[in-house]
N, C-alpha and C. Protein backbone atom coordinates (compact mmCIF):
# COMPACT_ATOMS: atom_id res chain seq x y z
N MET A 1 1.26 3.24 6.90
CA MET A 1 1.75 3.27 8.27
C MET A 1 3.24 3.59 8.42
N ARG A 2 3.91 3.00 7.39
CA ARG A 2 5.40 3.32 7.62
C ARG A 2 5.71 4.73 7.36
N LEU A 3 4.93 5.47 6.52
CA LEU A 3 5.21 6.90 6.29
C LEU A 3 4.70 7.74 7.57
N LEU A 4 3.86 7.28 8.25
CA LEU A 4 3.23 7.86 9.55
C LEU A 4 4.49 7.59 10.55
N HIS A 5 4.87 6.34 10.64
CA HIS A 5 6.05 6.19 11.75
C HIS A 5 7.30 6.86 11.24
N ARG A 6 7.47 7.09 10.07
CA ARG A 6 8.79 7.86 9.66
C ARG A 6 8.55 9.37 9.63
N ARG A 7 7.33 9.61 10.00
CA ARG A 7 7.00 11.18 10.05
C ARG A 7 7.05 11.90 8.70
N VAL A 8 6.83 11.18 7.52
CA VAL A 8 6.83 11.55 6.25
C VAL A 8 5.54 12.45 6.03
N ILE A 9 4.40 11.82 6.61
CA ILE A 9 3.17 12.38 6.45
C ILE A 9 2.59 12.57 8.03
N GLU A 10 1.80 13.59 8.18
CA GLU A 10 1.28 13.77 9.52
C GLU A 10 -0.33 14.09 9.40
N VAL A 11 -1.12 13.40 10.20
CA VAL A 11 -2.52 13.68 10.36
C VAL A 11 -2.74 14.58 11.37
N ALA A 12 -3.07 15.73 11.07
CA ALA A 12 -3.25 16.80 11.90
C ALA A 12 -4.70 17.11 12.29
N PHE A 13 -5.64 16.11 12.37
CA PHE A 13 -6.79 16.03 12.66
C PHE A 13 -7.14 15.46 14.00
N HIS A 14 -7.60 16.08 14.95
CA HIS A 14 -7.86 15.74 16.24
C HIS A 14 -9.32 15.62 16.64
N VAL A 15 -9.78 14.45 16.69
CA VAL A 15 -11.34 14.18 16.92
C VAL A 15 -11.89 15.05 17.92
N GLU A 16 -11.10 15.10 19.19
CA GLU A 16 -11.77 15.92 20.24
C GLU A 16 -11.87 17.35 19.97
N ASP A 17 -11.25 17.89 19.07
CA ASP A 17 -11.47 19.33 18.67
C ASP A 17 -12.64 19.60 17.80
N HIS A 18 -13.39 18.41 17.30
CA HIS A 18 -14.49 18.56 16.34
C HIS A 18 -15.73 17.73 16.86
N LEU A 19 -15.76 17.52 18.12
CA LEU A 19 -16.86 16.55 18.71
C LEU A 19 -18.36 16.96 18.25
N GLU A 20 -18.57 18.17 18.49
CA GLU A 20 -19.91 18.68 17.97
C GLU A 20 -20.24 18.54 16.61
N PRO A 21 -19.32 19.05 15.90
CA PRO A 21 -19.73 18.93 14.34
C PRO A 21 -19.72 17.49 13.92
N LEU A 22 -18.94 16.56 14.44
CA LEU A 22 -19.04 15.24 14.28
C LEU A 22 -20.26 14.53 14.66
N ALA A 23 -20.73 14.95 15.83
CA ALA A 23 -22.06 14.47 16.27
C ALA A 23 -23.23 14.78 15.39
N ARG A 24 -23.04 16.03 14.89
CA ARG A 24 -24.27 16.48 14.15
C ARG A 24 -24.29 15.83 12.85
N LEU A 25 -22.99 15.60 12.05
CA LEU A 25 -23.04 14.82 10.91
C LEU A 25 -23.44 13.34 11.11
N MET A 26 -23.12 12.74 12.16
CA MET A 26 -23.60 11.25 12.42
C MET A 26 -24.93 11.27 12.74
N HIS A 27 -25.68 12.23 13.33
CA HIS A 27 -27.04 12.25 13.56
C HIS A 27 -27.74 12.54 12.27
N LYS A 28 -27.25 13.40 11.45
CA LYS A 28 -27.79 13.75 10.08
C LYS A 28 -27.88 12.61 9.31
N TYR A 29 -26.84 11.84 9.26
CA TYR A 29 -26.93 10.61 8.24
C TYR A 29 -27.06 9.33 9.04
N ALA A 30 -27.78 9.34 10.25
CA ALA A 30 -28.00 8.16 10.99
C ALA A 30 -28.64 7.07 10.25
N THR A 31 -29.30 7.32 9.25
CA THR A 31 -30.10 6.36 8.53
C THR A 31 -29.22 5.62 7.42
N VAL A 32 -28.04 6.27 7.12
CA VAL A 32 -27.17 5.73 6.12
C VAL A 32 -26.55 4.42 6.56
N PRO A 33 -25.87 4.15 7.72
CA PRO A 33 -25.36 4.91 8.79
C PRO A 33 -24.10 5.38 8.58
N MET A 34 -23.74 6.63 9.07
CA MET A 34 -22.48 7.32 8.90
C MET A 34 -21.52 6.80 10.03
N SER A 35 -20.42 6.22 9.79
CA SER A 35 -19.47 5.84 10.80
C SER A 35 -18.69 7.06 11.34
N LEU A 36 -17.97 6.95 12.52
CA LEU A 36 -17.12 7.94 12.96
C LEU A 36 -16.03 8.35 11.89
N ALA A 37 -15.44 7.23 11.32
CA ALA A 37 -14.51 7.48 10.23
C ALA A 37 -14.90 8.38 9.12
N ASP A 38 -16.15 8.10 8.66
CA ASP A 38 -16.75 8.72 7.51
C ASP A 38 -16.94 10.22 7.99
N ALA A 39 -17.54 10.39 9.10
CA ALA A 39 -17.76 11.73 9.66
C ALA A 39 -16.57 12.47 9.89
N CYS A 40 -15.44 11.87 10.31
CA CYS A 40 -14.15 12.74 10.21
C CYS A 40 -13.74 13.03 8.74
N LEU A 41 -13.84 12.23 7.85
CA LEU A 41 -13.43 12.52 6.46
C LEU A 41 -14.18 13.76 5.82
N VAL A 42 -15.62 13.64 6.20
CA VAL A 42 -16.44 15.00 5.79
C VAL A 42 -16.12 16.06 6.53
N ARG A 43 -15.78 16.02 7.74
CA ARG A 43 -15.30 17.13 8.67
C ARG A 43 -14.03 17.73 8.16
N MET A 44 -13.13 16.89 7.86
CA MET A 44 -11.92 17.39 7.25
C MET A 44 -12.14 18.03 5.86
N ALA A 45 -12.91 17.60 5.00
CA ALA A 45 -13.21 18.28 3.95
C ALA A 45 -13.89 19.74 4.11
N GLU A 46 -14.43 19.74 5.24
CA GLU A 46 -15.16 21.05 5.59
C GLU A 46 -14.09 22.06 5.96
N VAL A 47 -13.24 21.70 6.75
CA VAL A 47 -12.06 22.65 7.26
C VAL A 47 -10.85 22.66 6.53
N LEU A 48 -10.75 21.96 5.48
CA LEU A 48 -9.54 21.97 4.63
C LEU A 48 -9.99 22.41 3.12
N PRO A 49 -10.01 23.69 2.91
CA PRO A 49 -10.56 24.17 1.59
C PRO A 49 -9.90 23.47 0.35
N GLY A 50 -10.74 23.14 -0.59
CA GLY A 50 -10.05 22.59 -1.96
C GLY A 50 -9.72 21.09 -1.72
N SER A 51 -9.96 20.44 -0.61
CA SER A 51 -9.71 18.96 -0.52
C SER A 51 -10.74 18.13 -1.18
N THR A 52 -10.26 16.86 -1.50
CA THR A 52 -10.96 16.00 -2.07
C THR A 52 -10.92 14.62 -1.45
N VAL A 53 -12.00 13.76 -1.31
CA VAL A 53 -11.99 12.63 -0.61
C VAL A 53 -11.77 11.48 -1.56
N LEU A 54 -10.82 10.52 -1.33
CA LEU A 54 -10.52 9.50 -2.13
C LEU A 54 -11.12 8.18 -1.47
N THR A 55 -12.08 7.53 -1.97
CA THR A 55 -12.84 6.66 -1.18
C THR A 55 -13.42 5.55 -2.17
N LEU A 56 -13.50 4.11 -1.50
CA LEU A 56 -14.39 3.16 -2.29
C LEU A 56 -15.84 3.14 -1.71
N ASP A 57 -16.16 3.95 -0.77
CA ASP A 57 -17.45 4.00 -0.23
C ASP A 57 -18.51 4.92 -1.04
N ARG A 58 -19.53 4.16 -1.55
CA ARG A 58 -20.49 5.04 -2.25
C ARG A 58 -21.38 6.07 -1.54
N ASP A 59 -21.41 5.60 -0.11
CA ASP A 59 -22.11 6.68 0.72
C ASP A 59 -21.50 8.10 0.68
N PHE A 60 -20.46 8.45 0.20
CA PHE A 60 -19.86 9.50 0.17
C PHE A 60 -20.56 10.33 -1.06
N ARG A 61 -21.14 9.59 -1.92
CA ARG A 61 -22.08 10.43 -3.00
C ARG A 61 -23.30 11.12 -2.33
N LEU A 62 -23.68 10.54 -1.06
CA LEU A 62 -24.88 11.09 -0.34
C LEU A 62 -24.43 12.30 0.59
N TYR A 63 -23.19 12.21 1.12
CA TYR A 63 -22.85 13.10 2.12
C TYR A 63 -22.62 14.54 1.58
N ARG A 64 -22.90 15.47 2.48
CA ARG A 64 -22.65 17.01 2.06
C ARG A 64 -21.82 17.55 3.05
N LYS A 65 -21.01 18.57 2.75
CA LYS A 65 -20.30 19.29 3.67
C LYS A 65 -20.92 20.46 3.82
N SER A 66 -20.78 21.09 5.05
CA SER A 66 -21.32 22.42 5.41
C SER A 66 -22.55 22.72 5.03
N GLY A 67 -23.40 21.67 5.35
CA GLY A 67 -24.81 21.72 5.04
C GLY A 67 -25.22 21.03 3.73
N ARG A 68 -25.13 21.88 2.55
CA ARG A 68 -25.70 21.32 1.34
C ARG A 68 -24.63 21.31 0.26
N GLN A 69 -23.35 21.52 0.39
CA GLN A 69 -22.30 21.37 -0.62
C GLN A 69 -21.96 20.05 -0.81
N VAL A 70 -21.74 19.83 -2.10
CA VAL A 70 -21.54 18.60 -2.68
C VAL A 70 -19.94 18.26 -2.15
N LEU A 71 -19.71 16.95 -1.73
CA LEU A 71 -18.45 16.69 -1.23
C LEU A 71 -17.66 16.12 -2.33
N PRO A 72 -16.56 16.88 -2.87
CA PRO A 72 -15.63 16.36 -3.80
C PRO A 72 -15.05 14.96 -3.51
N VAL A 73 -15.33 13.93 -4.38
CA VAL A 73 -14.87 12.71 -4.00
C VAL A 73 -14.40 12.01 -5.30
N ILE A 74 -13.26 11.16 -5.16
CA ILE A 74 -12.75 10.41 -6.14
C ILE A 74 -12.90 8.96 -5.86
N MET A 75 -13.54 8.20 -6.85
CA MET A 75 -13.85 6.88 -6.50
C MET A 75 -13.15 6.01 -7.81
N PRO A 76 -12.90 4.84 -7.64
CA PRO A 76 -12.18 4.07 -8.66
C PRO A 76 -12.94 4.14 -9.90
N GLU A 77 -14.27 4.29 -9.93
CA GLU A 77 -15.04 4.30 -11.12
C GLU A 77 -14.88 5.59 -11.91
N ASP A 78 -14.34 6.61 -11.02
CA ASP A 78 -14.10 7.99 -11.72
C ASP A 78 -12.66 8.04 -12.47
N LEU A 79 -11.83 7.09 -12.18
CA LEU A 79 -10.49 7.02 -12.65
C LEU A 79 -10.34 6.66 -14.18
């Protein structure tokens, strides 16, 4: 949070710009269930080529980006 307040890092993802894709993701993974936060991370991975999600949440092994593409993730067990 300090880095955000000092503007060292910036989160340039605006939920309102991605409402439909987020709703589709949350509907697709409703049985998991997918949270809005998870959907945002998957969507960011879709729009930011070459990105990888760092997470503790094993549900990310199930999620796919852009339909069927494996979502690159780093989990502590991978380190």
